[in-house]
Amino acid sequence: MLLSELQSKDIINIKDGNNLGRIIDAKVDNSGKIIYFVAEPKKLIRKVTRMSDVSFDFDKIKKIGEDVILVDL
């Protein structure tokens, strides 16, 4: 799966159901392994909740669906 495909999916935290936004960046080491992703909340969510960017490790992803990525944060 390409990073651009992941960037089109909403990130949902399975612990509380919060929508964390969408992936905007990924940190990759020299061997090409993904270290972590950075998600940015949607503009409306950012204004209402004052939530900032969220980083999460690849191993926090529990399921990648057609429309969403479920993470355990």
PDB file of N, CA and C in Angstrom:
ATOM      1  N   MET A   1       0.847  -1.177   0.000  1.00  0.00           N
ATOM      2  CA  MET A   1       0.000   0.000   0.000  1.00  0.00           C
ATOM      3  C   MET A   1       0.888   1.233   0.000  1.00  0.00           C
ATOM      4  N   LEU A   2       0.503   2.212  -0.790  1.00  0.00           N
ATOM      5  CA  LEU A   2       1.259   3.455  -0.896  1.00  0.00           C
ATOM      6  C   LEU A   2       0.865   4.438   0.205  1.00  0.00           C
ATOM      7  N   LEU A   3       1.799   5.314   0.567  1.00  0.00           N
ATOM      8  CA  LEU A   3       1.510   6.336   1.570  1.00  0.00           C
ATOM      9  C   LEU A   3       0.350   7.211   1.123  1.00  0.00           C
ATOM     10  N   SER A   4       0.279   7.510  -0.157  1.00  0.00           N
ATOM     11  CA  SER A   4      -0.814   8.354  -0.666  1.00  0.00           C
ATOM     12  C   SER A   4      -2.174   7.697  -0.449  1.00  0.00           C
ATOM     13  N   GLU A   5      -2.230   6.377  -0.478  1.00  0.00           N
ATOM     14  CA  GLU A   5      -3.493   5.675  -0.199  1.00  0.00           C
ATOM     15  C   GLU A   5      -3.859   5.794   1.278  1.00  0.00           C
ATOM     16  N   LEU A   6      -2.868   5.724   2.149  1.00  0.00           N
ATOM     17  CA  LEU A   6      -3.123   5.864   3.587  1.00  0.00           C
ATOM     18  C   LEU A   6      -3.565   7.286   3.927  1.00  0.00           C
ATOM     19  N   GLN A   7      -3.057   8.275   3.200  1.00  0.00           N
ATOM     20  CA  GLN A   7      -3.371   9.668   3.485  1.00  0.00           C
ATOM     21  C   GLN A   7      -4.823  10.023   3.190  1.00  0.00           C
ATOM     22  N   SER A   8      -5.522   9.193   2.445  1.00  0.00           N
ATOM     23  CA  SER A   8      -6.928   9.482   2.122  1.00  0.00           C
ATOM     24  C   SER A   8      -7.898   8.889   3.146  1.00  0.00           C
ATOM     25  N   LYS A   9      -7.380   8.226   4.170  1.00  0.00           N
ATOM     26  CA  LYS A   9      -8.230   7.562   5.162  1.00  0.00           C
ATOM     27  C   LYS A   9      -8.211   8.315   6.493  1.00  0.00           C
ATOM     28  N   ASP A  10      -9.372   8.375   7.158  1.00  0.00           N
ATOM     29  CA  ASP A  10      -9.447   8.958   8.494  1.00  0.00           C
ATOM     30  C   ASP A  10      -8.815   8.007   9.502  1.00  0.00           C
ATOM     31  N   ILE A  11      -8.157   8.580  10.516  1.00  0.00           N
ATOM     32  CA  ILE A  11      -7.541   7.807  11.589  1.00  0.00           C
ATOM     33  C   ILE A  11      -8.480   7.840  12.785  1.00  0.00           C
ATOM     34  N   ILE A  12      -8.907   6.663  13.268  1.00  0.00           N
ATOM     35  CA  ILE A  12      -9.826   6.563  14.400  1.00  0.00           C
ATOM     36  C   ILE A  12      -9.132   5.821  15.538  1.00  0.00           C
ATOM     37  N   ASN A  13      -9.163   6.420  16.730  1.00  0.00           N
ATOM     38  CA  ASN A  13      -8.619   5.785  17.930  1.00  0.00           C
ATOM     39  C   ASN A  13      -9.659   4.820  18.483  1.00  0.00           C
ATOM     40  N   ILE A  14      -9.300   3.537  18.594  1.00  0.00           N
ATOM     41  CA  ILE A  14     -10.285   2.541  19.050  1.00  0.00           C
ATOM     42  C   ILE A  14     -10.570   2.649  20.544  1.00  0.00           C
ATOM     43  N   LYS A  15      -9.707   3.311  21.307  1.00  0.00           N
ATOM     44  CA  LYS A  15      -9.940   3.444  22.759  1.00  0.00           C
ATOM     45  C   LYS A  15     -11.105   4.376  23.067  1.00  0.00           C
ATOM     46  N   ASP A  16     -11.208   5.497  22.319  1.00  0.00           N
ATOM     47  CA  ASP A  16     -12.262   6.472  22.633  1.00  0.00           C
ATOM     48  C   ASP A  16     -13.101   6.885  21.428  1.00  0.00           C
ATOM     49  N   GLY A  17     -12.796   6.355  20.248  1.00  0.00           N
ATOM     50  CA  GLY A  17     -13.578   6.658  19.051  1.00  0.00           C
ATOM     51  C   GLY A  17     -13.275   8.008  18.422  1.00  0.00           C
ATOM     52  N   ASN A  18     -12.272   8.727  18.938  1.00  0.00           N
ATOM     53  CA  ASN A  18     -11.930  10.033  18.380  1.00  0.00           C
ATOM     54  C   ASN A  18     -11.362   9.911  16.977  1.00  0.00           C
ATOM     55  N   ASN A  19     -11.771  10.850  16.130  1.00  0.00           N
ATOM     56  CA  ASN A  19     -11.215  10.958  14.791  1.00  0.00           C
ATOM     57  C   ASN A  19      -9.968  11.826  14.905  1.00  0.00           C
ATOM     58  N   LEU A  20      -8.806  11.241  14.627  1.00  0.00           N
ATOM     59  CA  LEU A  20      -7.538  11.948  14.788  1.00  0.00           C
ATOM     60  C   LEU A  20      -7.136  12.716  13.536  1.00  0.00           C
ATOM     61  N   GLY A  21      -7.914  12.593  12.475  1.00  0.00           N
ATOM     62  CA  GLY A  21      -7.606  13.296  11.233  1.00  0.00           C
ATOM     63  C   GLY A  21      -7.066  12.350  10.188  1.00  0.00           C
ATOM     64  N   ARG A  22      -6.114  12.844   9.403  1.00  0.00           N
ATOM     65  CA  ARG A  22      -5.514  12.057   8.329  1.00  0.00           C
ATOM     66  C   ARG A  22      -4.000  12.146   8.384  1.00  0.00           C
ATOM     67  N   ILE A  23      -3.343  11.130   7.865  1.00  0.00           N
ATOM     68  CA  ILE A  23      -1.888  11.094   7.826  1.00  0.00           C
ATOM     69  C   ILE A  23      -1.381  12.201   6.902  1.00  0.00           C
ATOM     70  N   ILE A  24      -0.430  12.972   7.405  1.00  0.00           N
ATOM     71  CA  ILE A  24       0.176  14.017   6.586  1.00  0.00           C
ATOM     72  C   ILE A  24       1.662  13.768   6.343  1.00  0.00           C
ATOM     73  N   ASP A  25       2.282  12.884   7.152  1.00  0.00           N
ATOM     74  CA  ASP A  25       3.713  12.659   7.009  1.00  0.00           C
ATOM     75  C   ASP A  25       4.078  11.307   7.619  1.00  0.00           C
ATOM     76  N   ALA A  26       5.258  10.822   7.248  1.00  0.00           N
ATOM     77  CA  ALA A  26       5.778   9.582   7.823  1.00  0.00           C
ATOM     78  C   ALA A  26       7.282   9.736   8.017  1.00  0.00           C
ATOM     79  N   LYS A  27       7.791   9.240   9.125  1.00  0.00           N
ATOM     80  CA  LYS A  27       9.230   9.232   9.397  1.00  0.00           C
ATOM     81  C   LYS A  27       9.745   7.846   9.031  1.00  0.00           C
ATOM     82  N   VAL A  28      10.749   7.811   8.156  1.00  0.00           N
ATOM     83  CA  VAL A  28      11.287   6.551   7.652  1.00  0.00           C
ATOM     84  C   VAL A  28      12.780   6.509   7.956  1.00  0.00           C
ATOM     85  N   ASP A  29      13.272   5.338   8.403  1.00  0.00           N
ATOM     86  CA  ASP A  29      14.714   5.234   8.672  1.00  0.00           C
ATOM     87  C   ASP A  29      15.476   4.940   7.376  1.00  0.00           C
ATOM     88  N   ASN A  30      16.787   4.820   7.472  1.00  0.00           N
ATOM     89  CA  ASN A  30      17.643   4.631   6.290  1.00  0.00           C
ATOM     90  C   ASN A  30      17.372   3.329   5.547  1.00  0.00           C
ATOM     91  N   SER A  31      16.837   2.334   6.242  1.00  0.00           N
ATOM     92  CA  SER A  31      16.549   1.051   5.596  1.00  0.00           C
ATOM     93  C   SER A  31      15.163   1.029   4.948  1.00  0.00           C
ATOM     94  N   GLY A  32      14.401   2.098   5.107  1.00  0.00           N
ATOM     95  CA  GLY A  32      13.069   2.176   4.511  1.00  0.00           C
ATOM     96  C   GLY A  32      11.949   1.750   5.439  1.00  0.00           C
ATOM     97  N   LYS A  33      12.273   1.437   6.690  1.00  0.00           N
ATOM     98  CA  LYS A  33      11.261   1.031   7.659  1.00  0.00           C
ATOM     99  C   LYS A  33      10.557   2.268   8.219  1.00  0.00           C
ATOM    100  N   ILE A  34       9.226   2.206   8.301  1.00  0.00           N
ATOM    101  CA  ILE A  34       8.455   3.321   8.853  1.00  0.00           C
ATOM    102  C   ILE A  34       8.632   3.353  10.363  1.00  0.00           C
ATOM    103  N   ILE A  35       9.071   4.492  10.876  1.00  0.00           N
ATOM    104  CA  ILE A  35       9.239   4.658  12.318  1.00  0.00           C
ATOM    105  C   ILE A  35       7.925   5.123  12.932  1.00  0.00           C
ATOM    106  N   TYR A  36       7.324   6.185  12.361  1.00  0.00           N
ATOM    107  CA  TYR A  36       6.026   6.650  12.843  1.00  0.00           C
ATOM    108  C   TYR A  36       5.326   7.475  11.774  1.00  0.00           C
ATOM    109  N   PHE A  37       4.026   7.663  11.970  1.00  0.00           N
ATOM    110  CA  PHE A  37       3.201   8.507  11.123  1.00  0.00           C
ATOM    111  C   PHE A  37       2.814   9.753  11.897  1.00  0.00           C
ATOM    112  N   VAL A  38       2.505  10.817  11.182  1.00  0.00           N
ATOM    113  CA  VAL A  38       1.983  12.048  11.786  1.00  0.00           C
ATOM    114  C   VAL A  38       0.611  12.292  11.181  1.00  0.00           C
ATOM    115  N   ALA A  39      -0.390  12.445  12.055  1.00  0.00           N
ATOM    116  CA  ALA A  39      -1.764  12.727  11.616  1.00  0.00           C
ATOM    117  C   ALA A  39      -2.129  14.146  12.018  1.00  0.00           C
ATOM    118  N   GLU A  40      -2.840  14.823  11.128  1.00  0.00           N
ATOM    119  CA  GLU A  40      -3.293  16.182  11.395  1.00  0.00           C
ATOM    120  C   GLU A  40      -4.818  16.179  11.458  1.00  0.00           C
ATOM    121  N   PRO A  41      -5.396  16.728  12.542  1.00  0.00           N
ATOM    122  CA  PRO A  41      -6.859  16.792  12.633  1.00  0.00           C
ATOM    123  C   PRO A  41      -7.437  17.666  11.531  1.00  0.00           C
ATOM    124  N   LYS A  42      -8.671  17.374  11.151  1.00  0.00           N
ATOM    125  CA  LYS A  42      -9.362  18.221  10.181  1.00  0.00           C
ATOM    126  C   LYS A  42      -9.537  19.605  10.781  1.00  0.00           C
ATOM    127  N   LYS A  43      -9.688  20.624   9.934  1.00  0.00           N
ATOM    128  CA  LYS A  43      -9.734  22.018  10.396  1.00  0.00           C
ATOM    129  C   LYS A  43     -10.819  22.253  11.436  1.00  0.00           C
ATOM    130  N   LEU A  44     -12.023  21.721  11.221  1.00  0.00           N
ATOM    131  CA  LEU A  44     -13.114  21.931  12.168  1.00  0.00           C
ATOM    132  C   LEU A  44     -12.808  21.275  13.507  1.00  0.00           C
ATOM    133  N   ILE A  45     -12.303  20.061  13.481  1.00  0.00           N
ATOM    134  CA  ILE A  45     -11.958  19.355  14.724  1.00  0.00           C
ATOM    135  C   ILE A  45     -10.856  20.107  15.459  1.00  0.00           C
ATOM    136  N   ARG A  46      -9.876  20.603  14.714  1.00  0.00           N
ATOM    137  CA  ARG A  46      -8.765  21.346  15.319  1.00  0.00           C
ATOM    138  C   ARG A  46      -9.264  22.598  16.032  1.00  0.00           C
ATOM    139  N   LYS A  47     -10.212  23.310  15.413  1.00  0.00           N
ATOM    140  CA  LYS A  47     -10.743  24.537  16.018  1.00  0.00           C
ATOM    141  C   LYS A  47     -11.564  24.244  17.266  1.00  0.00           C
ATOM    142  N   VAL A  48     -12.419  23.225  17.205  1.00  0.00           N
ATOM    143  CA  VAL A  48     -13.324  22.918  18.314  1.00  0.00           C
ATOM    144  C   VAL A  48     -12.575  22.321  19.497  1.00  0.00           C
ATOM    145  N   THR A  49     -11.685  21.355  19.242  1.00  0.00           N
ATOM    146  CA  THR A  49     -11.014  20.644  20.330  1.00  0.00           C
ATOM    147  C   THR A  49      -9.627  21.179  20.655  1.00  0.00           C
ATOM    148  N   ARG A  50      -9.104  22.067  19.783  1.00  0.00           N
ATOM    149  CA  ARG A  50      -7.739  22.591  19.931  1.00  0.00           C
ATOM    150  C   ARG A  50      -6.701  21.470  19.926  1.00  0.00           C
ATOM    151  N   MET A  51      -7.012  20.412  19.189  1.00  0.00           N
ATOM    152  CA  MET A  51      -6.134  19.252  19.087  1.00  0.00           C
ATOM    153  C   MET A  51      -4.993  19.568  18.123  1.00  0.00           C
ATOM    154  N   SER A  52      -3.788  19.133  18.462  1.00  0.00           N
ATOM    155  CA  SER A  52      -2.640  19.351  17.583  1.00  0.00           C
ATOM    156  C   SER A  52      -2.314  18.055  16.842  1.00  0.00           C
ATOM    157  N   ASP A  53      -1.256  18.079  16.052  1.00  0.00           N
ATOM    158  CA  ASP A  53      -0.850  16.892  15.315  1.00  0.00           C
ATOM    159  C   ASP A  53      -0.566  15.743  16.276  1.00  0.00           C
ATOM    160  N   VAL A  54      -0.830  14.523  15.805  1.00  0.00           N
ATOM    161  CA  VAL A  54      -0.638  13.324  16.609  1.00  0.00           C
ATOM    162  C   VAL A  54       0.339  12.408  15.888  1.00  0.00           C
ATOM    163  N   SER A  55       1.335  11.892  16.610  1.00  0.00           N
ATOM    164  CA  SER A  55       2.274  10.919  16.056  1.00  0.00           C
ATOM    165  C   SER A  55       1.963   9.549  16.635  1.00  0.00           C
ATOM    166  N   PHE A  56       2.083   8.507  15.796  1.00  0.00           N
ATOM    167  CA  PHE A  56       1.881   7.152  16.291  1.00  0.00           C
ATOM    168  C   PHE A  56       2.758   6.188  15.513  1.00  0.00           C
ATOM    169  N   ASP A  57       3.234   5.160  16.217  1.00  0.00           N
ATOM    170  CA  ASP A  57       4.081   4.139  15.612  1.00  0.00           C
ATOM    171  C   ASP A  57       3.266   3.239  14.694  1.00  0.00           C
ATOM    172  N   PHE A  58       3.944   2.640  13.739  1.00  0.00           N
ATOM    173  CA  PHE A  58       3.289   1.734  12.793  1.00  0.00           C
ATOM    174  C   PHE A  58       2.598   0.582  13.528  1.00  0.00           C
ATOM    175  N   ASP A  59       3.203   0.103  14.624  1.00  0.00           N
ATOM    176  CA  ASP A  59       2.627  -1.038  15.351  1.00  0.00           C
ATOM    177  C   ASP A  59       1.347  -0.679  16.113  1.00  0.00           C
ATOM    178  N   LYS A  60       1.000   0.598  16.200  1.00  0.00           N
ATOM    179  CA  LYS A  60      -0.257   1.010  16.840  1.00  0.00           C
ATOM    180  C   LYS A  60      -1.459   0.833  15.904  1.00  0.00           C
ATOM    181  N   ILE A  61      -1.202   0.617  14.611  1.00  0.00           N
ATOM    182  CA  ILE A  61      -2.284   0.384  13.657  1.00  0.00           C
ATOM    183  C   ILE A  61      -2.838  -1.013  13.880  1.00  0.00           C
ATOM    184  N   LYS A  62      -4.154  -1.089  14.103  1.00  0.00           N
ATOM    185  CA  LYS A  62      -4.802  -2.379  14.337  1.00  0.00           C
ATOM    186  C   LYS A  62      -5.506  -2.906  13.090  1.00  0.00           C
ATOM    187  N   LYS A  63      -6.040  -2.002  12.271  1.00  0.00           N
ATOM    188  CA  LYS A  63      -6.780  -2.426  11.083  1.00  0.00           C
ATOM    189  C   LYS A  63      -6.791  -1.295  10.075  1.00  0.00           C
ATOM    190  N   ILE A  64      -6.569  -1.634   8.815  1.00  0.00           N
ATOM    191  CA  ILE A  64      -6.682  -0.668   7.724  1.00  0.00           C
ATOM    192  C   ILE A  64      -7.862  -1.097   6.874  1.00  0.00           C
ATOM    193  N   GLY A  65      -8.905  -0.250   6.863  1.00  0.00           N
ATOM    194  CA  GLY A  65     -10.096  -0.537   6.090  1.00  0.00           C
ATOM    195  C   GLY A  65     -10.152   0.295   4.820  1.00  0.00           C
ATOM    196  N   GLU A  66     -11.295   0.245   4.142  1.00  0.00           N
ATOM    197  CA  GLU A  66     -11.448   1.012   2.906  1.00  0.00           C
ATOM    198  C   GLU A  66     -11.449   2.508   3.148  1.00  0.00           C
ATOM    199  N   ASP A  67     -12.062   2.937   4.263  1.00  0.00           N
ATOM    200  CA  ASP A  67     -12.227   4.372   4.540  1.00  0.00           C
ATOM    201  C   ASP A  67     -11.475   4.855   5.773  1.00  0.00           C
ATOM    202  N   VAL A  68     -11.130   3.959   6.683  1.00  0.00           N
ATOM    203  CA  VAL A  68     -10.510   4.376   7.941  1.00  0.00           C
ATOM    204  C   VAL A  68      -9.334   3.486   8.311  1.00  0.00           C
ATOM    205  N   ILE A  69      -8.505   4.027   9.181  1.00  0.00           N
ATOM    206  CA  ILE A  69      -7.409   3.276   9.802  1.00  0.00           C
ATOM    207  C   ILE A  69      -7.688   3.291  11.299  1.00  0.00           C
ATOM    208  N   LEU A  70      -7.783   2.124  11.909  1.00  0.00           N
ATOM    209  CA  LEU A  70      -8.022   2.022  13.349  1.00  0.00           C
ATOM    210  C   LEU A  70      -6.689   1.901  14.067  1.00  0.00           C
ATOM    211  N   VAL A  71      -6.484   2.767  15.073  1.00  0.00           N
ATOM    212  CA  VAL A  71      -5.264   2.739  15.850  1.00  0.00           C
ATOM    213  C   VAL A  71      -5.602   2.594  17.333  1.00  0.00           C
ATOM    214  N   ASP A  72      -4.672   2.036  18.088  1.00  0.00           N
ATOM    215  CA  ASP A  72      -4.846   1.852  19.523  1.00  0.00           C
ATOM    216  C   ASP A  72      -3.854   2.766  20.239  1.00  0.00           C
ATOM    217  N   LEU A  73      -4.324   3.976  20.601  1.00  0.00           N
ATOM    218  CA  LEU A  73      -3.455   4.958  21.267  1.00  0.00           C
ATOM    219  C   LEU A  73      -3.863   5.143  22.711  1.00  0.00           C
TER     220      LEU A  73
END
